[in-house]
């Protein structure tokens, strides 16, 4: 099962690297990343309803595909936004937070499995992930709109040349 998710991550990274290369707008990458994370959470949530392991493979492939796409989008935003001299530290901080969260999740998951069955925990994780993502949709959309507005307000060198020629005429 883990191999299916990993194969999906590899395929998702390959597919979404081509998509990301066409997106010059970081806001679109961030919003796309949220959508892809939602796909991961949905795959986890839906896995509870799958009756056999064989049917879980395609679902895990899709979840991994979303995971791989989000990795590409997220890393591209970090690479574009962080100055070159600080990129190593930024990627290390991101990696540490992801790995740290995974370790905490494994610890909590192991402890909770002593108290309850796996299916309710999986449902809880899928629902919690979707709710957290929903909590980010509005603030991210506002931030993207605000940045796009700021970018439109900044005069370009061509605009400055046009203003000079208009005032001198």
N, C-alpha and C. Protein backbone atom coordinates (compact mmCIF):
# COMPACT_ATOMS: atom_id res chain seq x y z
N UNK A 1 0.82 -1.20 0.00
CA UNK A 1 0.00 0.00 0.00
C UNK A 1 0.87 1.26 0.00
N UNK A 2 1.91 1.25 0.82
CA UNK A 2 2.79 2.40 0.88
C UNK A 2 3.45 2.64 -0.46
N UNK A 3 3.78 1.56 -1.16
CA UNK A 3 4.39 1.68 -2.48
C UNK A 3 3.48 2.37 -3.48
N UNK A 4 2.17 2.16 -3.36
CA UNK A 4 1.22 2.82 -4.27
C UNK A 4 1.23 4.33 -4.05
N UNK A 5 1.25 4.77 -2.79
CA UNK A 5 1.30 6.21 -2.50
C UNK A 5 2.60 6.79 -3.05
N UNK A 6 3.72 6.09 -2.81
CA UNK A 6 5.02 6.57 -3.27
C UNK A 6 5.08 6.65 -4.78
N UNK A 7 4.54 5.67 -5.48
CA UNK A 7 4.48 5.72 -6.94
C UNK A 7 3.64 6.92 -7.39
N UNK A 8 2.54 7.16 -6.70
CA UNK A 8 1.71 8.33 -7.01
C UNK A 8 2.47 9.63 -6.81
N UNK A 9 3.28 9.72 -5.74
CA UNK A 9 4.08 10.92 -5.49
C UNK A 9 5.05 11.15 -6.65
N UNK A 10 5.71 10.10 -7.08
CA UNK A 10 6.66 10.24 -8.20
C UNK A 10 5.96 10.70 -9.47
N UNK A 11 4.84 10.08 -9.78
CA UNK A 11 4.08 10.47 -10.98
C UNK A 11 3.55 11.90 -10.85
N UNK A 12 3.05 12.23 -9.67
CA UNK A 12 2.52 13.58 -9.45
C UNK A 12 3.60 14.63 -9.60
N UNK A 13 4.79 14.36 -9.08
CA UNK A 13 5.89 15.31 -9.21
C UNK A 13 6.23 15.51 -10.68
N UNK A 14 6.28 14.44 -11.43
CA UNK A 14 6.62 14.53 -12.86
C UNK A 14 5.54 15.30 -13.63
N UNK A 15 4.29 14.98 -13.38
CA UNK A 15 3.18 15.64 -14.10
C UNK A 15 3.08 17.11 -13.70
N UNK A 16 3.07 17.39 -12.41
CA UNK A 16 2.84 18.76 -11.96
C UNK A 16 4.06 19.66 -12.13
N UNK A 17 5.24 19.08 -12.33
CA UNK A 17 6.41 19.92 -12.65
C UNK A 17 6.18 20.60 -13.99
N UNK A 18 5.55 19.91 -14.92
CA UNK A 18 5.25 20.51 -16.23
C UNK A 18 4.17 21.59 -16.10
N UNK A 19 3.20 21.35 -15.25
CA UNK A 19 2.14 22.34 -15.02
C UNK A 19 2.73 23.57 -14.32
N UNK A 20 3.52 23.34 -13.29
CA UNK A 20 4.10 24.44 -12.51
C UNK A 20 5.01 25.31 -13.36
N UNK A 21 5.69 24.71 -14.31
CA UNK A 21 6.58 25.48 -15.19
C UNK A 21 5.84 26.52 -16.01
N UNK A 22 4.57 26.31 -16.22
CA UNK A 22 3.76 27.26 -17.00
C UNK A 22 3.11 28.34 -16.14
N UNK A 23 3.17 28.19 -14.82
CA UNK A 23 2.51 29.13 -13.92
C UNK A 23 3.52 30.15 -13.40
N UNK A 24 3.38 31.37 -13.83
CA UNK A 24 4.27 32.44 -13.35
C UNK A 24 3.73 33.06 -12.08
N UNK A 25 2.49 32.79 -11.76
CA UNK A 25 1.81 33.39 -10.61
C UNK A 25 1.94 32.49 -9.39
N UNK A 26 2.66 32.97 -8.37
CA UNK A 26 2.81 32.19 -7.14
C UNK A 26 1.48 31.96 -6.45
N UNK A 27 0.56 32.89 -6.57
CA UNK A 27 -0.76 32.72 -5.96
C UNK A 27 -1.48 31.50 -6.52
N UNK A 28 -1.34 31.29 -7.82
CA UNK A 28 -1.96 30.11 -8.43
C UNK A 28 -1.31 28.83 -7.91
N UNK A 29 0.00 28.88 -7.69
CA UNK A 29 0.70 27.71 -7.14
C UNK A 29 0.22 27.41 -5.72
N UNK A 30 0.08 28.44 -4.91
CA UNK A 30 -0.36 28.24 -3.52
C UNK A 30 -1.79 27.71 -3.50
N UNK A 31 -2.67 28.30 -4.28
CA UNK A 31 -4.05 27.83 -4.32
C UNK A 31 -4.14 26.42 -4.89
N UNK A 32 -3.34 26.13 -5.91
CA UNK A 32 -3.29 24.78 -6.46
C UNK A 32 -2.78 23.79 -5.44
N UNK A 33 -1.78 24.22 -4.65
CA UNK A 33 -1.25 23.36 -3.59
C UNK A 33 -2.30 23.02 -2.56
N UNK A 34 -3.12 24.01 -2.19
CA UNK A 34 -4.20 23.74 -1.24
C UNK A 34 -5.19 22.72 -1.81
N UNK A 35 -5.51 22.87 -3.08
CA UNK A 35 -6.42 21.94 -3.72
C UNK A 35 -5.83 20.53 -3.73
N UNK A 36 -4.55 20.44 -4.03
CA UNK A 36 -3.89 19.13 -4.06
C UNK A 36 -3.82 18.51 -2.66
N UNK A 37 -3.56 19.34 -1.64
CA UNK A 37 -3.58 18.82 -0.27
C UNK A 37 -4.97 18.31 0.09
N UNK A 38 -6.00 19.00 -0.39
CA UNK A 38 -7.36 18.51 -0.19
C UNK A 38 -7.56 17.15 -0.82
N UNK A 39 -6.95 16.93 -1.99
CA UNK A 39 -7.01 15.61 -2.63
C UNK A 39 -6.34 14.53 -1.77
N UNK A 40 -5.22 14.88 -1.13
CA UNK A 40 -4.56 13.93 -0.22
C UNK A 40 -5.48 13.58 0.94
N UNK A 41 -6.06 14.60 1.56
CA UNK A 41 -6.95 14.37 2.71
C UNK A 41 -8.17 13.56 2.31
N UNK A 42 -8.70 13.85 1.13
CA UNK A 42 -9.87 13.12 0.65
C UNK A 42 -9.53 11.65 0.40
N UNK A 43 -8.34 11.40 -0.15
CA UNK A 43 -7.92 10.00 -0.37
C UNK A 43 -7.83 9.26 0.95
N UNK A 44 -7.29 9.91 1.98
CA UNK A 44 -7.21 9.28 3.30
C UNK A 44 -8.61 9.01 3.83
N UNK A 45 -9.48 10.00 3.73
CA UNK A 45 -10.84 9.86 4.24
C UNK A 45 -11.60 8.74 3.50
N UNK A 46 -11.49 8.72 2.19
CA UNK A 46 -12.21 7.71 1.40
C UNK A 46 -11.65 6.30 1.60
N UNK A 47 -10.41 6.21 2.03
CA UNK A 47 -9.80 4.89 2.20
C UNK A 47 -10.54 4.05 3.24
N UNK A 48 -11.23 4.69 4.15
CA UNK A 48 -11.98 3.96 5.18
C UNK A 48 -13.12 3.16 4.56
N UNK A 49 -13.66 3.64 3.46
CA UNK A 49 -14.81 2.98 2.84
C UNK A 49 -14.41 1.88 1.87
N UNK A 50 -13.13 1.74 1.59
CA UNK A 50 -12.68 0.74 0.62
C UNK A 50 -12.68 -0.64 1.29
N UNK A 51 -13.39 -1.62 0.68
CA UNK A 51 -13.54 -2.93 1.34
C UNK A 51 -12.33 -3.86 1.21
N UNK A 52 -11.50 -3.68 0.17
CA UNK A 52 -10.36 -4.59 -0.01
C UNK A 52 -9.09 -3.79 -0.30
N UNK A 53 -7.98 -4.41 0.00
CA UNK A 53 -6.68 -3.76 -0.24
C UNK A 53 -6.46 -3.49 -1.72
N UNK A 54 -6.95 -4.37 -2.58
CA UNK A 54 -6.76 -4.18 -4.03
C UNK A 54 -7.43 -2.89 -4.51
N UNK A 55 -8.55 -2.54 -3.92
CA UNK A 55 -9.23 -1.31 -4.31
C UNK A 55 -8.57 -0.08 -3.69
N UNK A 56 -7.77 -0.31 -2.68
CA UNK A 56 -7.08 0.80 -2.05
C UNK A 56 -5.93 1.32 -2.92
N UNK A 57 -5.36 0.47 -3.75
CA UNK A 57 -4.22 0.86 -4.58
C UNK A 57 -4.54 2.06 -5.47
N UNK A 58 -5.62 2.05 -6.26
CA UNK A 58 -5.88 3.23 -7.10
C UNK A 58 -6.14 4.50 -6.29
N UNK A 59 -6.77 4.35 -5.15
CA UNK A 59 -7.03 5.51 -4.29
C UNK A 59 -5.72 6.07 -3.75
N UNK A 60 -4.81 5.19 -3.35
CA UNK A 60 -3.50 5.62 -2.85
C UNK A 60 -2.67 6.23 -3.97
N UNK A 61 -2.82 5.71 -5.18
CA UNK A 61 -2.11 6.33 -6.32
C UNK A 61 -2.58 7.77 -6.52
N UNK A 62 -3.89 7.99 -6.44
CA UNK A 62 -4.42 9.35 -6.60
C UNK A 62 -4.00 10.26 -5.45
N UNK A 63 -4.02 9.73 -4.23
CA UNK A 63 -3.56 10.52 -3.09
C UNK A 63 -2.10 10.89 -3.23
N UNK A 64 -1.28 9.93 -3.64
CA UNK A 64 0.13 10.20 -3.86
C UNK A 64 0.36 11.18 -4.99
N UNK A 65 -0.44 11.09 -6.05
CA UNK A 65 -0.35 12.03 -7.16
C UNK A 65 -0.57 13.46 -6.66
N UNK A 66 -1.58 13.64 -5.84
CA UNK A 66 -1.85 14.96 -5.25
C UNK A 66 -0.70 15.39 -4.36
N UNK A 67 -0.16 14.47 -3.58
CA UNK A 67 0.95 14.76 -2.68
C UNK A 67 2.19 15.20 -3.47
N UNK A 68 2.50 14.50 -4.54
CA UNK A 68 3.64 14.86 -5.38
C UNK A 68 3.46 16.23 -6.04
N UNK A 69 2.24 16.51 -6.49
CA UNK A 69 1.97 17.81 -7.09
C UNK A 69 2.11 18.94 -6.08
N UNK A 70 1.61 18.71 -4.88
CA UNK A 70 1.75 19.74 -3.84
C UNK A 70 3.22 19.97 -3.51
N UNK A 71 4.00 18.92 -3.45
CA UNK A 71 5.43 19.07 -3.17
C UNK A 71 6.09 19.97 -4.22
N UNK A 72 5.77 19.75 -5.48
CA UNK A 72 6.34 20.56 -6.56
C UNK A 72 5.91 22.02 -6.40
N UNK A 73 4.62 22.25 -6.23
CA UNK A 73 4.12 23.63 -6.11
C UNK A 73 4.73 24.33 -4.91
N UNK A 74 4.76 23.64 -3.78
CA UNK A 74 5.30 24.23 -2.55
C UNK A 74 6.77 24.56 -2.70
N UNK A 75 7.56 23.64 -3.21
CA UNK A 75 8.99 23.87 -3.37
C UNK A 75 9.28 24.99 -4.36
N UNK A 76 8.48 25.10 -5.40
CA UNK A 76 8.68 26.17 -6.37
C UNK A 76 8.38 27.53 -5.75
N UNK A 77 7.34 27.61 -4.93
CA UNK A 77 7.03 28.88 -4.26
C UNK A 77 8.18 29.27 -3.32
N UNK A 78 8.68 28.31 -2.56
CA UNK A 78 9.81 28.61 -1.66
C UNK A 78 11.02 29.06 -2.47
N UNK A 79 11.32 28.35 -3.55
CA UNK A 79 12.48 28.71 -4.36
C UNK A 79 12.34 30.10 -4.98
N UNK A 80 11.13 30.47 -5.37
CA UNK A 80 10.91 31.79 -5.98
C UNK A 80 10.92 32.91 -4.95
N UNK A 81 10.44 32.64 -3.75
CA UNK A 81 10.23 33.68 -2.75
C UNK A 81 11.40 33.92 -1.81
N UNK A 82 12.22 32.93 -1.61
CA UNK A 82 13.32 33.05 -0.66
C UNK A 82 14.59 33.45 -1.41
N UNK A 83 15.30 34.46 -0.92
CA UNK A 83 16.56 34.85 -1.58
C UNK A 83 17.52 33.67 -1.67
N UNK A 84 18.29 33.64 -2.73
CA UNK A 84 19.17 32.50 -2.99
C UNK A 84 20.07 32.16 -1.81
N UNK A 85 20.61 33.17 -1.16
CA UNK A 85 21.53 32.94 -0.05
C UNK A 85 20.86 32.25 1.14
N UNK A 86 19.55 32.36 1.27
CA UNK A 86 18.84 31.79 2.42
C UNK A 86 18.04 30.54 2.06
N UNK A 87 18.10 30.10 0.80
CA UNK A 87 17.27 28.98 0.37
C UNK A 87 17.58 27.68 1.10
N UNK A 88 18.83 27.40 1.35
CA UNK A 88 19.19 26.17 2.06
C UNK A 88 18.56 26.11 3.43
N UNK A 89 18.65 27.23 4.15
CA UNK A 89 18.03 27.29 5.49
C UNK A 89 16.52 27.18 5.39
N UNK A 90 15.93 27.81 4.38
CA UNK A 90 14.47 27.76 4.23
C UNK A 90 14.01 26.33 3.96
N UNK A 91 14.68 25.65 3.03
CA UNK A 91 14.28 24.28 2.74
C UNK A 91 14.54 23.36 3.93
N UNK A 92 15.61 23.62 4.68
CA UNK A 92 15.88 22.83 5.89
C UNK A 92 14.78 23.05 6.93
N UNK A 93 14.34 24.29 7.09
CA UNK A 93 13.27 24.58 8.06
C UNK A 93 11.96 23.92 7.64
N UNK A 94 11.65 23.99 6.35
CA UNK A 94 10.43 23.35 5.86
C UNK A 94 10.51 21.84 6.06
N UNK A 95 11.63 21.26 5.67
CA UNK A 95 11.81 19.81 5.81
C UNK A 95 11.72 19.38 7.26
N UNK A 96 12.34 20.15 8.16
CA UNK A 96 12.30 19.81 9.59
C UNK A 96 10.88 19.88 10.12
N UNK A 97 10.12 20.87 9.69
CA UNK A 97 8.75 20.98 10.19
C UNK A 97 7.89 19.84 9.67
N UNK A 98 8.07 19.46 8.42
CA UNK A 98 7.30 18.34 7.86
C UNK A 98 7.67 17.04 8.56
N UNK A 99 8.97 16.78 8.72
CA UNK A 99 9.40 15.55 9.38
C UNK A 99 9.00 15.54 10.85
N UNK A 100 9.11 16.69 11.52
CA UNK A 100 8.70 16.79 12.91
C UNK A 100 7.21 16.53 13.08
N UNK A 101 6.40 17.09 12.19
CA UNK A 101 4.96 16.85 12.25
C UNK A 101 4.65 15.38 12.02
N UNK A 102 5.37 14.74 11.11
CA UNK A 102 5.15 13.31 10.86
C UNK A 102 5.49 12.49 12.11
N UNK A 103 6.60 12.84 12.77
CA UNK A 103 6.97 12.10 13.99
C UNK A 103 5.93 12.27 15.09
N UNK A 104 5.42 13.49 15.25
CA UNK A 104 4.37 13.73 16.25
C UNK A 104 3.11 12.95 15.86
N UNK A 105 2.79 12.95 14.57
CA UNK A 105 1.63 12.19 14.10
C UNK A 105 1.76 10.70 14.38
N UNK A 106 2.95 10.14 14.13
CA UNK A 106 3.16 8.72 14.42
C UNK A 106 3.02 8.43 15.91
N UNK A 107 3.56 9.32 16.72
CA UNK A 107 3.48 9.14 18.17
C UNK A 107 2.02 9.19 18.63
N UNK A 108 1.32 10.23 18.22
CA UNK A 108 -0.09 10.36 18.62
C UNK A 108 -0.94 9.23 18.06
N UNK A 109 -0.68 8.88 16.80
CA UNK A 109 -1.43 7.78 16.19
C UNK A 109 -1.23 6.47 16.94
N UNK A 110 0.00 6.19 17.32
CA UNK A 110 0.28 4.98 18.08
C UNK A 110 -0.42 4.97 19.43
N UNK A 111 -0.38 6.12 20.10
CA UNK A 111 -1.06 6.21 21.40
C UNK A 111 -2.57 6.08 21.24
N UNK A 112 -3.12 6.72 20.25
CA UNK A 112 -4.58 6.67 20.03
C UNK A 112 -5.04 5.29 19.61
N UNK A 113 -4.18 4.54 18.92
CA UNK A 113 -4.57 3.18 18.54
C UNK A 113 -4.73 2.26 19.75
N UNK A 114 -4.14 2.64 20.86
CA UNK A 114 -4.34 1.87 22.10
C UNK A 114 -5.74 2.11 22.66
N UNK A 115 -6.37 3.22 22.26
CA UNK A 115 -7.67 3.60 22.81
C UNK A 115 -8.84 3.31 21.89
N UNK A 116 -8.60 3.23 20.60
CA UNK A 116 -9.70 3.08 19.66
C UNK A 116 -9.27 2.28 18.43
N UNK A 117 -10.23 1.98 17.59
CA UNK A 117 -9.98 1.25 16.34
C UNK A 117 -9.37 2.19 15.28
N UNK A 118 -8.70 1.64 14.27
CA UNK A 118 -8.06 2.47 13.25
C UNK A 118 -9.04 3.29 12.39
N UNK A 119 -10.16 2.71 12.02
CA UNK A 119 -11.07 3.43 11.09
C UNK A 119 -11.53 4.79 11.62
N UNK A 120 -11.97 4.91 12.85
CA UNK A 120 -12.36 6.24 13.33
C UNK A 120 -11.19 7.23 13.34
N UNK A 121 -10.00 6.74 13.62
CA UNK A 121 -8.82 7.62 13.59
C UNK A 121 -8.55 8.12 12.18
N UNK A 122 -8.68 7.22 11.21
CA UNK A 122 -8.44 7.60 9.81
C UNK A 122 -9.48 8.62 9.38
N UNK A 123 -10.74 8.39 9.73
CA UNK A 123 -11.79 9.36 9.41
C UNK A 123 -11.48 10.70 10.07
N UNK A 124 -11.09 10.66 11.33
CA UNK A 124 -10.76 11.90 12.04
C UNK A 124 -9.62 12.66 11.38
N UNK A 125 -8.60 11.94 10.95
CA UNK A 125 -7.46 12.59 10.28
C UNK A 125 -7.88 13.19 8.94
N UNK A 126 -8.65 12.45 8.17
CA UNK A 126 -9.10 12.99 6.88
C UNK A 126 -9.98 14.22 7.04
N UNK A 127 -10.92 14.14 7.97
CA UNK A 127 -11.82 15.28 8.23
C UNK A 127 -11.04 16.46 8.80
N UNK A 128 -10.15 16.19 9.74
CA UNK A 128 -9.35 17.28 10.33
C UNK A 128 -8.52 17.98 9.26
N UNK A 129 -7.90 17.20 8.39
CA UNK A 129 -7.11 17.79 7.31
C UNK A 129 -7.96 18.67 6.41
N UNK A 130 -9.13 18.19 6.02
CA UNK A 130 -10.02 18.99 5.16
C UNK A 130 -10.49 20.26 5.87
N UNK A 131 -10.80 20.16 7.16
CA UNK A 131 -11.24 21.35 7.90
C UNK A 131 -10.12 22.38 8.03
N UNK A 132 -8.91 21.93 8.28
CA UNK A 132 -7.77 22.85 8.36
C UNK A 132 -7.58 23.54 7.02
N UNK A 133 -7.64 22.78 5.94
CA UNK A 133 -7.49 23.38 4.61
C UNK A 133 -8.59 24.39 4.33
N UNK A 134 -9.82 24.06 4.70
CA UNK A 134 -10.92 25.00 4.50
C UNK A 134 -10.68 26.29 5.28
N UNK A 135 -10.05 26.18 6.43
CA UNK A 135 -9.71 27.36 7.22
C UNK A 135 -8.70 28.25 6.54
N UNK A 136 -7.90 27.70 5.64
CA UNK A 136 -6.89 28.49 4.93
C UNK A 136 -7.38 29.07 3.61
N UNK A 137 -8.49 28.57 3.08
CA UNK A 137 -8.94 29.01 1.76
C UNK A 137 -9.18 30.51 1.71
N UNK A 138 -9.95 31.04 2.62
CA UNK A 138 -10.29 32.47 2.59
C UNK A 138 -9.06 33.35 2.81
N UNK A 139 -8.25 33.11 3.84
CA UNK A 139 -7.06 33.97 4.01
C UNK A 139 -6.09 33.89 2.83
N UNK A 140 -5.93 32.71 2.25
CA UNK A 140 -5.02 32.58 1.11
C UNK A 140 -5.59 33.33 -0.09
N UNK A 141 -6.87 33.21 -0.34
CA UNK A 141 -7.48 33.93 -1.48
C UNK A 141 -7.35 35.44 -1.30
N UNK A 142 -7.55 35.92 -0.07
CA UNK A 142 -7.39 37.36 0.20
C UNK A 142 -5.96 37.80 -0.05
N UNK A 143 -5.00 37.02 0.44
CA UNK A 143 -3.59 37.36 0.26
C UNK A 143 -3.20 37.36 -1.22
N UNK A 144 -3.70 36.39 -1.96
CA UNK A 144 -3.41 36.32 -3.40
C UNK A 144 -4.00 37.53 -4.11
N UNK A 145 -5.25 37.87 -3.79
CA UNK A 145 -5.88 39.05 -4.42
C UNK A 145 -5.12 40.32 -4.08
N UNK A 146 -4.72 40.47 -2.80
CA UNK A 146 -3.98 41.67 -2.39
C UNK A 146 -2.65 41.77 -3.11
N UNK A 147 -1.96 40.65 -3.24
CA UNK A 147 -0.67 40.69 -3.94
C UNK A 147 -0.85 40.99 -5.42
N UNK A 148 -1.84 40.40 -6.04
CA UNK A 148 -2.08 40.69 -7.46
C UNK A 148 -2.42 42.16 -7.66
N UNK A 149 -3.16 42.74 -6.72
CA UNK A 149 -3.48 44.16 -6.80
C UNK A 149 -2.21 45.00 -6.67
N UNK A 150 -1.34 44.66 -5.70
CA UNK A 150 -0.08 45.40 -5.52
C UNK A 150 0.79 45.31 -6.76
N UNK A 151 0.84 44.13 -7.37
CA UNK A 151 1.67 43.94 -8.56
C UNK A 151 1.15 44.82 -9.70
N UNK A 152 -0.15 44.94 -9.83
CA UNK A 152 -0.72 45.80 -10.90
C UNK A 152 -0.44 47.27 -10.65
N UNK A 153 -0.24 47.66 -9.38
CA UNK A 153 -0.03 49.06 -9.04
C UNK A 153 1.42 49.51 -9.23
N UNK A 154 2.36 48.59 -9.29
CA UNK A 154 3.77 48.93 -9.43
C UNK A 154 4.04 49.30 -10.88
N UNK A 155 4.57 50.51 -11.12
CA UNK A 155 4.84 50.89 -12.51
C UNK A 155 6.03 50.09 -13.07
N UNK A 156 5.92 49.72 -14.33
CA UNK A 156 7.00 49.00 -14.99
C UNK A 156 7.93 50.02 -15.65
N UNK A 157 9.15 49.62 -16.02
CA UNK A 157 10.05 50.55 -16.71
C UNK A 157 9.42 51.10 -17.99
N UNK A 158 8.63 50.30 -18.67
CA UNK A 158 7.96 50.79 -19.89
C UNK A 158 6.97 51.89 -19.54
N UNK A 159 6.26 51.75 -18.39
CA UNK A 159 5.32 52.79 -17.97
C UNK A 159 6.07 54.07 -17.64
N UNK A 160 7.23 53.95 -17.00
CA UNK A 160 8.01 55.14 -16.65
C UNK A 160 8.47 55.86 -17.90
N UNK A 161 8.90 55.11 -18.92
CA UNK A 161 9.31 55.73 -20.18
C UNK A 161 8.14 56.42 -20.87
N UNK A 162 6.96 55.81 -20.80
CA UNK A 162 5.78 56.39 -21.40
C UNK A 162 5.40 57.68 -20.68
N UNK A 163 5.51 57.70 -19.36
CA UNK A 163 5.18 58.90 -18.59
C UNK A 163 6.15 60.02 -18.92
N UNK A 164 7.43 59.72 -19.10
CA UNK A 164 8.42 60.74 -19.43
C UNK A 164 8.15 61.33 -20.80
N UNK A 165 7.82 60.48 -21.77
CA UNK A 165 7.58 60.97 -23.13
C UNK A 165 6.29 61.79 -23.19
N UNK A 166 5.30 61.45 -22.37
CA UNK A 166 4.04 62.19 -22.37
C UNK A 166 4.27 63.56 -21.74
N UNK A 167 5.02 63.62 -20.63
CA UNK A 167 5.23 64.90 -19.97
C UNK A 167 6.15 65.81 -20.76
N UNK A 168 7.08 65.25 -21.55
CA UNK A 168 7.98 66.10 -22.32
C UNK A 168 7.33 66.60 -23.59
N UNK A 169 6.25 65.99 -24.03
CA UNK A 169 5.58 66.40 -25.27
C UNK A 169 4.71 67.54 -24.96
